[in-house]
Amino acid sequence: MPRPKGQAETWRGGVILAMAAMAFLSFSDATSKWVMVTVTPLMVLWFRYAVQALGTALVLAPRRGRSMWRTHSWRWQLLRGLLMVSCSGLAFYCLQRMPVAEFTATVMLTPLVLTALARFVMKEQVSLLRWLMVLGGLVGALLVIRPGGQVDGTVGWMALTVVVTYAVFQAVTSHMTRTEDPAVMQLYTGWVGWAVSSVLVFNAWVTPQGWAQWALLLLVGLAATVGQYLLIVAFSKAPASVVSPFLYTGVAFSTLIGWWMFDHLPDALAFMGMGLVVLCGIVAGRNREATLSKPSAN
């Protein structure tokens, strides 16, 4: 049965927003790498969360007032914020030392790692096909970070740590969305990240030199905040099965931006690995949605 025209247009809007979100997030990563040539990662981390914390508060405060802080569990909010700022700190360390496209492709393993978490933590049934896709995605990542390639092996394994941390963050987010307002989650994540980064940057603060550095640091935070917001809206407009495959456009955006800003293109084996990660992620996502949509035997 064809979808109603209104629903089709809404879903199309969700897809466009998801692709726009990945463009903003890829741009934020590339700009972070660019500005970290002259400032420390801790400075970038601080600006990243300062923009999110203040920006989200300024948007919510006029409409909600003090109720914008209302939450069912501040402990879960704190855990989510700590996971996100840890992930960001590790990501900035990796971006300093590896190309943007290869880093983005490795991070795209996150949905596959979530498959393992779904099986062993959330006790979800996982099909043989999804396990094969997890294995295929891991092979793809190893092609990207292989010894003798364009990525230092030590940094490559650190990128896999980012993947695991981000997968746990996504699992916590999935659990919290049952009871928490996404906007409130975004608010708490920003303020927890800003608080942690303020402590870390206290003895490492270096005042940016000139308007260009200030502009780039603010741009990092703005692009990341807008990207995350667009992603939330995209998933509110269309089902995950429709939106998720288009998140992998982040690999294409990162490759293009990496070529434009840093004159870097992955080698043939890295391209093959990136393609394998994307393919396995899409197939695994589709298979999960098909399994969940089947009527229960009971």
C-alpha atoms as a PDB file:
ATOM      1  CA  MET A   1       0.000   0.000   0.000  1.00  0.00           C
ATOM      2  CA  PRO A   2       1.484   3.390  -0.968  1.00  0.00           C
ATOM      3  CA  ARG A   3       2.195   5.833   1.852  1.00  0.00           C
ATOM      4  CA  PRO A   4      -0.071   8.894   2.149  1.00  0.00           C
ATOM      5  CA  LYS A   5       1.396  11.892   0.361  1.00  0.00           C
ATOM      6  CA  GLY A   6       1.715  13.897   3.576  1.00  0.00           C
ATOM      7  CA  GLN A   7       3.639  11.107   5.286  1.00  0.00           C
ATOM      8  CA  ALA A   8       5.951  10.685   2.292  1.00  0.00           C
ATOM      9  CA  GLU A   9       6.761  14.403   2.363  1.00  0.00           C
ATOM     10  CA  THR A  10       7.408  14.282   6.127  1.00  0.00           C
ATOM     11  CA  TRP A  11       9.730  11.312   5.718  1.00  0.00           C
ATOM     12  CA  ARG A  12      11.524  13.071   2.877  1.00  0.00           C
ATOM     13  CA  GLY A  13      12.038  16.030   5.178  1.00  0.00           C
ATOM     14  CA  GLY A  14      13.519  13.711   7.805  1.00  0.00           C
ATOM     15  CA  VAL A  15      15.990  12.332   5.275  1.00  0.00           C
ATOM     16  CA  ILE A  16      17.046  15.823   4.152  1.00  0.00           C
ATOM     17  CA  LEU A  17      17.528  16.917   7.763  1.00  0.00           C
ATOM     18  CA  ALA A  18      19.597  13.804   8.519  1.00  0.00           C
ATOM     19  CA  MET A  19      21.902  14.503   5.579  1.00  0.00           C
ATOM     20  CA  ALA A  20      22.178  18.162   6.614  1.00  0.00           C
ATOM     21  CA  ALA A  21      23.034  17.022  10.151  1.00  0.00           C
ATOM     22  CA  MET A  22      25.856  14.820   8.895  1.00  0.00           C
ATOM     23  CA  ALA A  23      27.191  17.692   6.770  1.00  0.00           C
ATOM     24  CA  PHE A  24      27.287  19.972   9.837  1.00  0.00           C
ATOM     25  CA  LEU A  25      28.912  17.286  12.025  1.00  0.00           C
ATOM     26  CA  SER A  26      31.514  16.468   9.366  1.00  0.00           C
ATOM     27  CA  PHE A  27      32.267  20.181   9.006  1.00  0.00           C
ATOM     28  CA  SER A  28      32.620  20.480  12.792  1.00  0.00           C
ATOM     29  CA  ASP A  29      35.122  17.597  12.859  1.00  0.00           C
ATOM     30  CA  ALA A  30      37.168  19.036  10.002  1.00  0.00           C
ATOM     31  CA  THR A  31      37.176  22.521  11.538  1.00  0.00           C
ATOM     32  CA  SER A  32      38.268  21.014  14.853  1.00  0.00           C
ATOM     33  CA  LYS A  33      41.206  19.355  13.133  1.00  0.00           C
ATOM     34  CA  TRP A  34      42.092  22.614  11.382  1.00  0.00           C
ATOM     35  CA  VAL A  35      42.020  24.774  14.514  1.00  0.00           C
ATOM     36  CA  MET A  36      43.896  22.214  16.640  1.00  0.00           C
ATOM     37  CA  VAL A  37      47.015  23.080  14.654  1.00  0.00           C
ATOM     38  CA  THR A  38      47.232  26.281  16.715  1.00  0.00           C
ATOM     39  CA  VAL A  39      45.259  25.548  19.916  1.00  0.00           C
ATOM     40  CA  THR A  40      45.061  22.577  22.275  1.00  0.00           C
ATOM     41  CA  PRO A  41      42.257  19.976  22.066  1.00  0.00           C
ATOM     42  CA  LEU A  42      41.097  21.044  25.544  1.00  0.00           C
ATOM     43  CA  MET A  43      40.432  24.545  24.239  1.00  0.00           C
ATOM     44  CA  VAL A  44      38.361  23.141  21.365  1.00  0.00           C
ATOM     45  CA  LEU A  45      36.506  20.880  23.805  1.00  0.00           C
ATOM     46  CA  TRP A  46      35.645  23.835  26.043  1.00  0.00           C
ATOM     47  CA  PHE A  47      34.309  25.965  23.191  1.00  0.00           C
ATOM     48  CA  ARG A  48      32.404  22.990  21.783  1.00  0.00           C
ATOM     49  CA  TYR A  49      30.374  22.563  24.966  1.00  0.00           C
ATOM     50  CA  ALA A  50      30.176  26.256  25.873  1.00  0.00           C
ATOM     51  CA  VAL A  51      28.285  26.919  22.647  1.00  0.00           C
ATOM     52  CA  GLN A  52      25.955  23.934  23.164  1.00  0.00           C
ATOM     53  CA  ALA A  53      25.258  24.744  26.825  1.00  0.00           C
ATOM     54  CA  LEU A  54      24.570  28.454  26.338  1.00  0.00           C
ATOM     55  CA  GLY A  55      22.844  28.067  22.974  1.00  0.00           C
ATOM     56  CA  THR A  56      20.429  25.375  24.194  1.00  0.00           C
ATOM     57  CA  ALA A  57      19.663  27.333  27.376  1.00  0.00           C
ATOM     58  CA  LEU A  58      18.974  30.530  25.429  1.00  0.00           C
ATOM     59  CA  VAL A  59      16.555  28.698  23.132  1.00  0.00           C
ATOM     60  CA  LEU A  60      14.674  26.862  25.909  1.00  0.00           C
ATOM     61  CA  ALA A  61      14.595  29.503  28.653  1.00  0.00           C
ATOM     62  CA  PRO A  62      12.082  31.922  27.050  1.00  0.00           C
ATOM     63  CA  ARG A  63       9.570  29.118  26.465  1.00  0.00           C
ATOM     64  CA  ARG A  64      10.066  26.912  29.525  1.00  0.00           C
ATOM     65  CA  GLY A  65      11.739  28.955  32.219  1.00  0.00           C
ATOM     66  CA  ARG A  66      12.971  26.876  35.148  1.00  0.00           C
ATOM     67  CA  SER A  67      11.031  23.844  33.931  1.00  0.00           C
ATOM     68  CA  MET A  68      13.667  23.329  31.246  1.00  0.00           C
ATOM     69  CA  TRP A  69      15.768  21.631  33.974  1.00  0.00           C
ATOM     70  CA  ARG A  70      13.000  19.168  34.899  1.00  0.00           C
ATOM     71  CA  THR A  71      14.199  15.576  34.593  1.00  0.00           C
ATOM     72  CA  HIS A  72      13.178  12.156  35.859  1.00  0.00           C
ATOM     73  CA  SER A  73      16.745  11.177  36.730  1.00  0.00           C
ATOM     74  CA  TRP A  74      19.642  13.574  37.085  1.00  0.00           C
ATOM     75  CA  ARG A  75      21.948  10.548  37.557  1.00  0.00           C
ATOM     76  CA  TRP A  76      21.208   9.311  34.045  1.00  0.00           C
ATOM     77  CA  GLN A  77      21.622  12.855  32.723  1.00  0.00           C
ATOM     78  CA  LEU A  78      25.005  13.078  34.428  1.00  0.00           C
ATOM     79  CA  LEU A  79      26.100   9.698  33.049  1.00  0.00           C
ATOM     80  CA  ARG A  80      25.029  10.642  29.519  1.00  0.00           C
ATOM     81  CA  GLY A  81      26.885  13.956  29.746  1.00  0.00           C
ATOM     82  CA  LEU A  82      30.059  12.295  31.044  1.00  0.00           C
ATOM     83  CA  LEU A  83      29.956   9.702  28.258  1.00  0.00           C
ATOM     84  CA  MET A  84      29.516  12.401  25.612  1.00  0.00           C
ATOM     85  CA  VAL A  85      32.335  14.645  26.837  1.00  0.00           C
ATOM     86  CA  SER A  86      34.629  11.598  27.135  1.00  0.00           C
ATOM     87  CA  CYS A  87      33.750  10.630  23.586  1.00  0.00           C
ATOM     88  CA  SER A  88      34.424  14.170  22.352  1.00  0.00           C
ATOM     89  CA  GLY A  89      37.791  14.358  24.122  1.00  0.00           C
ATOM     90  CA  LEU A  90      38.911  11.039  22.620  1.00  0.00           C
ATOM     91  CA  ALA A  91      37.605  12.109  19.212  1.00  0.00           C
ATOM     92  CA  PHE A  92      39.634  15.340  19.261  1.00  0.00           C
ATOM     93  CA  TYR A  93      42.754  13.358  20.188  1.00  0.00           C
ATOM     94  CA  CYS A  94      42.158  11.099  17.171  1.00  0.00           C
ATOM     95  CA  LEU A  95      41.315  13.945  14.795  1.00  0.00           C
ATOM     96  CA  GLN A  96      44.643  15.577  15.576  1.00  0.00           C
ATOM     97  CA  ARG A  97      46.433  12.474  14.336  1.00  0.00           C
ATOM     98  CA  MET A  98      44.304  10.864  11.614  1.00  0.00           C
ATOM     99  CA  PRO A  99      42.445  12.044   8.487  1.00  0.00           C
ATOM    100  CA  VAL A 100      38.838  13.154   8.874  1.00  0.00           C
ATOM    101  CA  ALA A 101      37.384  10.634   6.396  1.00  0.00           C
ATOM    102  CA  GLU A 102      39.082   7.620   7.996  1.00  0.00           C
ATOM    103  CA  PHE A 103      38.031   8.786  11.458  1.00  0.00           C
ATOM    104  CA  THR A 104      34.398   9.236  10.386  1.00  0.00           C
ATOM    105  CA  ALA A 105      34.316   5.820   8.720  1.00  0.00           C
ATOM    106  CA  THR A 106      35.644   4.176  11.873  1.00  0.00           C
ATOM    107  CA  VAL A 107      33.063   5.940  14.056  1.00  0.00           C
ATOM    108  CA  MET A 108      30.371   4.584  11.721  1.00  0.00           C
ATOM    109  CA  LEU A 109      31.021   1.216  13.371  1.00  0.00           C
ATOM    110  CA  THR A 110      28.921   2.467  16.292  1.00  0.00           C
ATOM    111  CA  PRO A 111      25.597   0.938  15.117  1.00  0.00           C
ATOM    112  CA  LEU A 112      27.356  -2.413  14.702  1.00  0.00           C
ATOM    113  CA  VAL A 113      28.824  -2.264  18.217  1.00  0.00           C
ATOM    114  CA  LEU A 114      25.310  -1.458  19.426  1.00  0.00           C
ATOM    115  CA  THR A 115      24.305  -4.846  18.024  1.00  0.00           C
ATOM    116  CA  ALA A 116      26.605  -6.558  20.519  1.00  0.00           C
ATOM    117  CA  LEU A 117      25.274  -4.361  23.330  1.00  0.00           C
ATOM    118  CA  ALA A 118      21.719  -5.180  22.262  1.00  0.00           C
ATOM    119  CA  ARG A 119      22.450  -8.892  22.550  1.00  0.00           C
ATOM    120  CA  PHE A 120      24.484  -9.055  25.743  1.00  0.00           C
ATOM    121  CA  VAL A 121      23.189  -6.070  27.724  1.00  0.00           C
ATOM    122  CA  MET A 122      19.627  -5.467  26.518  1.00  0.00           C
ATOM    123  CA  LYS A 123      18.988  -9.203  25.798  1.00  0.00           C
ATOM    124  CA  GLU A 124      17.691  -8.464  22.296  1.00  0.00           C
ATOM    125  CA  GLN A 125      17.607 -11.301  19.787  1.00  0.00           C
ATOM    126  CA  VAL A 126      20.271 -10.793  17.102  1.00  0.00           C
ATOM    127  CA  SER A 127      20.099 -12.641  13.786  1.00  0.00           C
ATOM    128  CA  LEU A 128      23.007 -14.454  12.180  1.00  0.00           C
ATOM    129  CA  LEU A 129      23.010 -11.874   9.366  1.00  0.00           C
ATOM    130  CA  ARG A 130      23.521  -9.018  11.834  1.00  0.00           C
ATOM    131  CA  TRP A 131      26.432 -10.871  13.465  1.00  0.00           C
ATOM    132  CA  LEU A 132      27.976 -11.349  10.024  1.00  0.00           C
ATOM    133  CA  MET A 133      27.563  -7.620   9.383  1.00  0.00           C
ATOM    134  CA  VAL A 134      29.327  -6.857  12.693  1.00  0.00           C
ATOM    135  CA  LEU A 135      32.228  -9.053  11.579  1.00  0.00           C
ATOM    136  CA  GLY A 136      32.257  -7.448   8.122  1.00  0.00           C
ATOM    137  CA  GLY A 137      32.268  -3.952   9.630  1.00  0.00           C
ATOM    138  CA  LEU A 138      35.205  -4.865  11.859  1.00  0.00           C
ATOM    139  CA  VAL A 139      37.121  -6.136   8.816  1.00  0.00           C
ATOM    140  CA  GLY A 140      36.355  -2.854   7.063  1.00  0.00           C
ATOM    141  CA  ALA A 141      37.651  -0.848  10.022  1.00  0.00           C
ATOM    142  CA  LEU A 142      40.842  -2.908  10.091  1.00  0.00           C
ATOM    143  CA  LEU A 143      41.410  -2.093   6.417  1.00  0.00           C
ATOM    144  CA  VAL A 144      41.170   1.606   7.314  1.00  0.00           C
ATOM    145  CA  ILE A 145      43.530   1.471  10.335  1.00  0.00           C
ATOM    146  CA  ARG A 146      45.749  -1.386   9.090  1.00  0.00           C
ATOM    147  CA  PRO A 147      49.505  -1.338   9.819  1.00  0.00           C
ATOM    148  CA  GLY A 148      51.381   0.341   6.978  1.00  0.00           C
ATOM    149  CA  GLY A 149      48.341   2.340   5.896  1.00  0.00           C
ATOM    150  CA  GLN A 150      47.745   6.077   6.114  1.00  0.00           C
ATOM    151  CA  VAL A 151      46.588   5.889   9.734  1.00  0.00           C
ATOM    152  CA  ASP A 152      48.894   5.301  12.696  1.00  0.00           C
ATOM    153  CA  GLY A 153      47.843   1.993  14.278  1.00  0.00           C
ATOM    154  CA  THR A 154      47.885   3.339  17.834  1.00  0.00           C
ATOM    155  CA  VAL A 155      45.554   6.195  16.929  1.00  0.00           C
ATOM    156  CA  GLY A 156      43.367   3.795  14.951  1.00  0.00           C
ATOM    157  CA  TRP A 157      42.785   1.658  18.008  1.00  0.00           C
ATOM    158  CA  MET A 158      42.012   4.818  19.976  1.00  0.00           C
ATOM    159  CA  ALA A 159      39.323   5.566  17.377  1.00  0.00           C
ATOM    160  CA  LEU A 160      37.799   2.170  18.165  1.00  0.00           C
ATOM    161  CA  THR A 161      37.678   3.277  21.815  1.00  0.00           C
ATOM    162  CA  VAL A 162      35.638   6.278  20.622  1.00  0.00           C
ATOM    163  CA  VAL A 163      33.284   3.832  18.895  1.00  0.00           C
ATOM    164  CA  VAL A 164      32.726   1.771  22.052  1.00  0.00           C
ATOM    165  CA  THR A 165      32.208   4.892  24.196  1.00  0.00           C
ATOM    166  CA  TYR A 166      29.776   6.357  21.683  1.00  0.00           C
ATOM    167  CA  ALA A 167      27.880   3.058  21.437  1.00  0.00           C
ATOM    168  CA  VAL A 168      27.368   3.047  25.216  1.00  0.00           C
ATOM    169  CA  PHE A 169      26.259   6.682  24.972  1.00  0.00           C
ATOM    170  CA  GLN A 170      23.702   5.739  22.305  1.00  0.00           C
ATOM    171  CA  ALA A 171      22.427   2.839  24.422  1.00  0.00           C
ATOM    172  CA  VAL A 172      21.973   5.167  27.420  1.00  0.00           C
ATOM    173  CA  THR A 173      20.238   7.693  25.155  1.00  0.00           C
ATOM    174  CA  SER A 174      17.862   5.010  23.874  1.00  0.00           C
ATOM    175  CA  HIS A 175      16.992   4.054  27.448  1.00  0.00           C
ATOM    176  CA  MET A 176      16.449   7.673  28.532  1.00  0.00           C
ATOM    177  CA  THR A 177      14.184   8.661  25.624  1.00  0.00           C
ATOM    178  CA  ARG A 178      11.431   6.505  27.170  1.00  0.00           C
ATOM    179  CA  THR A 179      10.961   9.066  29.918  1.00  0.00           C
ATOM    180  CA  GLU A 180      13.079  12.140  29.095  1.00  0.00           C
ATOM    181  CA  ASP A 181      12.509  15.128  26.809  1.00  0.00           C
ATOM    182  CA  PRO A 182      15.213  15.160  24.067  1.00  0.00           C
ATOM    183  CA  ALA A 183      15.658  18.929  24.444  1.00  0.00           C
ATOM    184  CA  VAL A 184      16.292  18.546  28.176  1.00  0.00           C
ATOM    185  CA  MET A 185      18.784  15.758  27.459  1.00  0.00           C
ATOM    186  CA  GLN A 186      20.591  18.073  25.031  1.00  0.00           C
ATOM    187  CA  LEU A 187      20.627  20.801  27.691  1.00  0.00           C
ATOM    188  CA  TYR A 188      22.095  18.603  30.411  1.00  0.00           C
ATOM    189  CA  THR A 189      24.663  17.092  28.044  1.00  0.00           C
ATOM    190  CA  GLY A 190      25.888  20.556  27.109  1.00  0.00           C
ATOM    191  CA  TRP A 191      26.182  21.786  30.688  1.00  0.00           C
ATOM    192  CA  VAL A 192      27.839  18.598  31.998  1.00  0.00           C
ATOM    193  CA  GLY A 193      30.305  18.755  29.103  1.00  0.00           C
ATOM    194  CA  TRP A 194      30.993  22.433  29.747  1.00  0.00           C
ATOM    195  CA  ALA A 195      31.543  21.835  33.468  1.00  0.00           C
ATOM    196  CA  VAL A 196      33.972  18.962  32.881  1.00  0.00           C
ATOM    197  CA  SER A 197      35.872  20.771  30.127  1.00  0.00           C
ATOM    198  CA  SER A 198      36.109  23.920  32.291  1.00  0.00           C
ATOM    199  CA  VAL A 199      37.904  21.920  34.987  1.00  0.00           C
ATOM    200  CA  LEU A 200      40.221  20.305  32.438  1.00  0.00           C
ATOM    201  CA  VAL A 201      41.072  23.550  30.633  1.00  0.00           C
ATOM    202  CA  PHE A 202      41.672  25.563  33.835  1.00  0.00           C
ATOM    203  CA  ASN A 203      45.471  25.147  33.723  1.00  0.00           C
ATOM    204  CA  ALA A 204      45.664  24.877  29.937  1.00  0.00           C
ATOM    205  CA  TRP A 205      43.777  27.989  28.896  1.00  0.00           C
ATOM    206  CA  VAL A 206      45.425  30.030  26.171  1.00  0.00           C
ATOM    207  CA  THR A 207      43.518  33.085  24.971  1.00  0.00           C
ATOM    208  CA  PRO A 208      42.861  32.761  21.220  1.00  0.00           C
ATOM    209  CA  GLN A 209      44.947  35.111  19.116  1.00  0.00           C
ATOM    210  CA  GLY A 210      42.949  37.225  16.698  1.00  0.00           C
ATOM    211  CA  TRP A 211      39.375  37.092  15.469  1.00  0.00           C
ATOM    212  CA  ALA A 212      40.054  34.158  13.129  1.00  0.00           C
ATOM    213  CA  GLN A 213      40.803  31.753  16.005  1.00  0.00           C
ATOM    214  CA  TRP A 214      37.796  32.978  17.968  1.00  0.00           C
ATOM    215  CA  ALA A 215      35.584  32.517  14.903  1.00  0.00           C
ATOM    216  CA  LEU A 216      36.859  28.983  14.194  1.00  0.00           C
ATOM    217  CA  LEU A 217      36.411  27.846  17.792  1.00  0.00           C
ATOM    218  CA  LEU A 218      32.880  29.213  17.912  1.00  0.00           C
ATOM    219  CA  LEU A 219      32.181  27.614  14.527  1.00  0.00           C
ATOM    220  CA  VAL A 220      33.181  24.187  15.876  1.00  0.00           C
ATOM    221  CA  GLY A 221      30.627  24.451  18.673  1.00  0.00           C
ATOM    222  CA  LEU A 222      27.904  25.951  16.496  1.00  0.00           C
ATOM    223  CA  ALA A 223      28.216  23.334  13.749  1.00  0.00           C
ATOM    224  CA  ALA A 224      28.210  20.453  16.251  1.00  0.00           C
ATOM    225  CA  THR A 225      25.199  21.848  18.134  1.00  0.00           C
ATOM    226  CA  VAL A 226      23.179  22.463  14.960  1.00  0.00           C
ATOM    227  CA  GLY A 227      24.119  19.011  13.633  1.00  0.00           C
ATOM    228  CA  GLN A 228      22.933  17.260  16.789  1.00  0.00           C
ATOM    229  CA  TYR A 229      19.705  19.256  16.830  1.00  0.00           C
ATOM    230  CA  LEU A 230      18.935  18.475  13.175  1.00  0.00           C
ATOM    231  CA  LEU A 231      19.543  14.789  13.904  1.00  0.00           C
ATOM    232  CA  ILE A 232      16.987  14.828  16.723  1.00  0.00           C
ATOM    233  CA  VAL A 233      14.426  16.526  14.455  1.00  0.00           C
ATOM    234  CA  ALA A 234      15.157  14.084  11.620  1.00  0.00           C
ATOM    235  CA  PHE A 235      14.354  11.078  13.813  1.00  0.00           C
ATOM    236  CA  SER A 236      11.169  12.811  14.978  1.00  0.00           C
ATOM    237  CA  LYS A 237       9.958  13.146  11.369  1.00  0.00           C
ATOM    238  CA  ALA A 238      10.764   9.688   9.998  1.00  0.00           C
ATOM    239  CA  PRO A 239      11.354   6.159  11.361  1.00  0.00           C
ATOM    240  CA  ALA A 240      14.884   5.045  12.167  1.00  0.00           C
ATOM    241  CA  SER A 241      14.717   2.522   9.309  1.00  0.00           C
ATOM    242  CA  VAL A 242      14.246   5.426   6.874  1.00  0.00           C
ATOM    243  CA  VAL A 243      16.739   7.868   8.415  1.00  0.00           C
ATOM    244  CA  SER A 244      19.611   5.609   9.528  1.00  0.00           C
ATOM    245  CA  PRO A 245      20.991   4.633   6.092  1.00  0.00           C
ATOM    246  CA  PHE A 246      21.454   8.313   5.245  1.00  0.00           C
ATOM    247  CA  LEU A 247      23.674   8.868   8.298  1.00  0.00           C
ATOM    248  CA  TYR A 248      26.419   7.158   6.337  1.00  0.00           C
ATOM    249  CA  THR A 249      26.523  10.159   4.023  1.00  0.00           C
ATOM    250  CA  GLY A 250      28.812  11.499   6.767  1.00  0.00           C
ATOM    251  CA  VAL A 251      31.610   9.394   5.258  1.00  0.00           C
ATOM    252  CA  ALA A 252      31.126  11.092   1.883  1.00  0.00           C
ATOM    253  CA  PHE A 253      30.932  14.560   3.437  1.00  0.00           C
ATOM    254  CA  SER A 254      34.077  13.930   5.496  1.00  0.00           C
ATOM    255  CA  THR A 255      35.964  12.611   2.474  1.00  0.00           C
ATOM    256  CA  LEU A 256      34.999  15.671   0.424  1.00  0.00           C
ATOM    257  CA  ILE A 257      35.815  18.145   3.212  1.00  0.00           C
ATOM    258  CA  GLY A 258      39.088  16.345   3.994  1.00  0.00           C
ATOM    259  CA  TRP A 259      40.100  16.646   0.352  1.00  0.00           C
ATOM    260  CA  TRP A 260      39.065  20.313   0.217  1.00  0.00           C
ATOM    261  CA  MET A 261      40.652  21.442   3.496  1.00  0.00           C
ATOM    262  CA  PHE A 262      43.642  19.095   3.830  1.00  0.00           C
ATOM    263  CA  ASP A 263      44.225  17.812   0.280  1.00  0.00           C
ATOM    264  CA  HIS A 264      43.844  14.247   1.538  1.00  0.00           C
ATOM    265  CA  LEU A 265      42.152  11.273  -0.111  1.00  0.00           C
ATOM    266  CA  PRO A 266      42.112   7.753   1.408  1.00  0.00           C
ATOM    267  CA  ASP A 267      44.086   5.069  -0.435  1.00  0.00           C
ATOM    268  CA  ALA A 268      42.382   2.211  -2.291  1.00  0.00           C
ATOM    269  CA  LEU A 269      42.305  -0.237   0.637  1.00  0.00           C
ATOM    270  CA  ALA A 270      40.995   2.455   2.988  1.00  0.00           C
ATOM    271  CA  PHE A 271      38.232   3.289   0.498  1.00  0.00           C
ATOM    272  CA  MET A 272      37.371  -0.408   0.342  1.00  0.00           C
ATOM    273  CA  GLY A 273      37.240  -0.609   4.136  1.00  0.00           C
ATOM    274  CA  MET A 274      35.085   2.512   4.389  1.00  0.00           C
ATOM    275  CA  GLY A 275      32.660   1.082   1.840  1.00  0.00           C
ATOM    276  CA  LEU A 276      32.486  -2.207   3.745  1.00  0.00           C
ATOM    277  CA  VAL A 277      31.695  -0.423   7.020  1.00  0.00           C
ATOM    278  CA  VAL A 278      28.908   1.571   5.331  1.00  0.00           C
ATOM    279  CA  LEU A 279      27.434  -1.480   3.565  1.00  0.00           C
ATOM    280  CA  CYS A 280      27.450  -3.654   6.686  1.00  0.00           C
ATOM    281  CA  GLY A 281      25.938  -0.882   8.784  1.00  0.00           C
ATOM    282  CA  ILE A 282      23.076  -0.315   6.340  1.00  0.00           C
ATOM    283  CA  VAL A 283      22.320  -4.041   5.972  1.00  0.00           C
ATOM    284  CA  ALA A 284      22.432  -4.603   9.740  1.00  0.00           C
ATOM    285  CA  GLY A 285      20.107  -1.653  10.335  1.00  0.00           C
ATOM    286  CA  ARG A 286      17.629  -2.809   7.721  1.00  0.00           C
ATOM    287  CA  ASN A 287      17.670  -6.352   9.103  1.00  0.00           C
ATOM    288  CA  ARG A 288      16.992  -5.116  12.648  1.00  0.00           C
ATOM    289  CA  GLU A 289      14.053  -2.983  11.541  1.00  0.00           C
ATOM    290  CA  ALA A 290      12.616  -5.882   9.523  1.00  0.00           C
ATOM    291  CA  THR A 291      12.907  -8.166  12.562  1.00  0.00           C
ATOM    292  CA  LEU A 292      11.224  -5.657  14.878  1.00  0.00           C
ATOM    293  CA  SER A 293       8.372  -5.100  12.414  1.00  0.00           C
ATOM    294  CA  LYS A 294       7.439  -8.799  12.276  1.00  0.00           C
ATOM    295  CA  PRO A 295       4.319  -9.666  14.254  1.00  0.00           C
ATOM    296  CA  SER A 296       4.934 -11.545  17.475  1.00  0.00           C
ATOM    297  CA  ALA A 297       4.294 -15.293  17.502  1.00  0.00           C
ATOM    298  CA  ASN A 298       2.310 -14.775  20.685  1.00  0.00           C
END
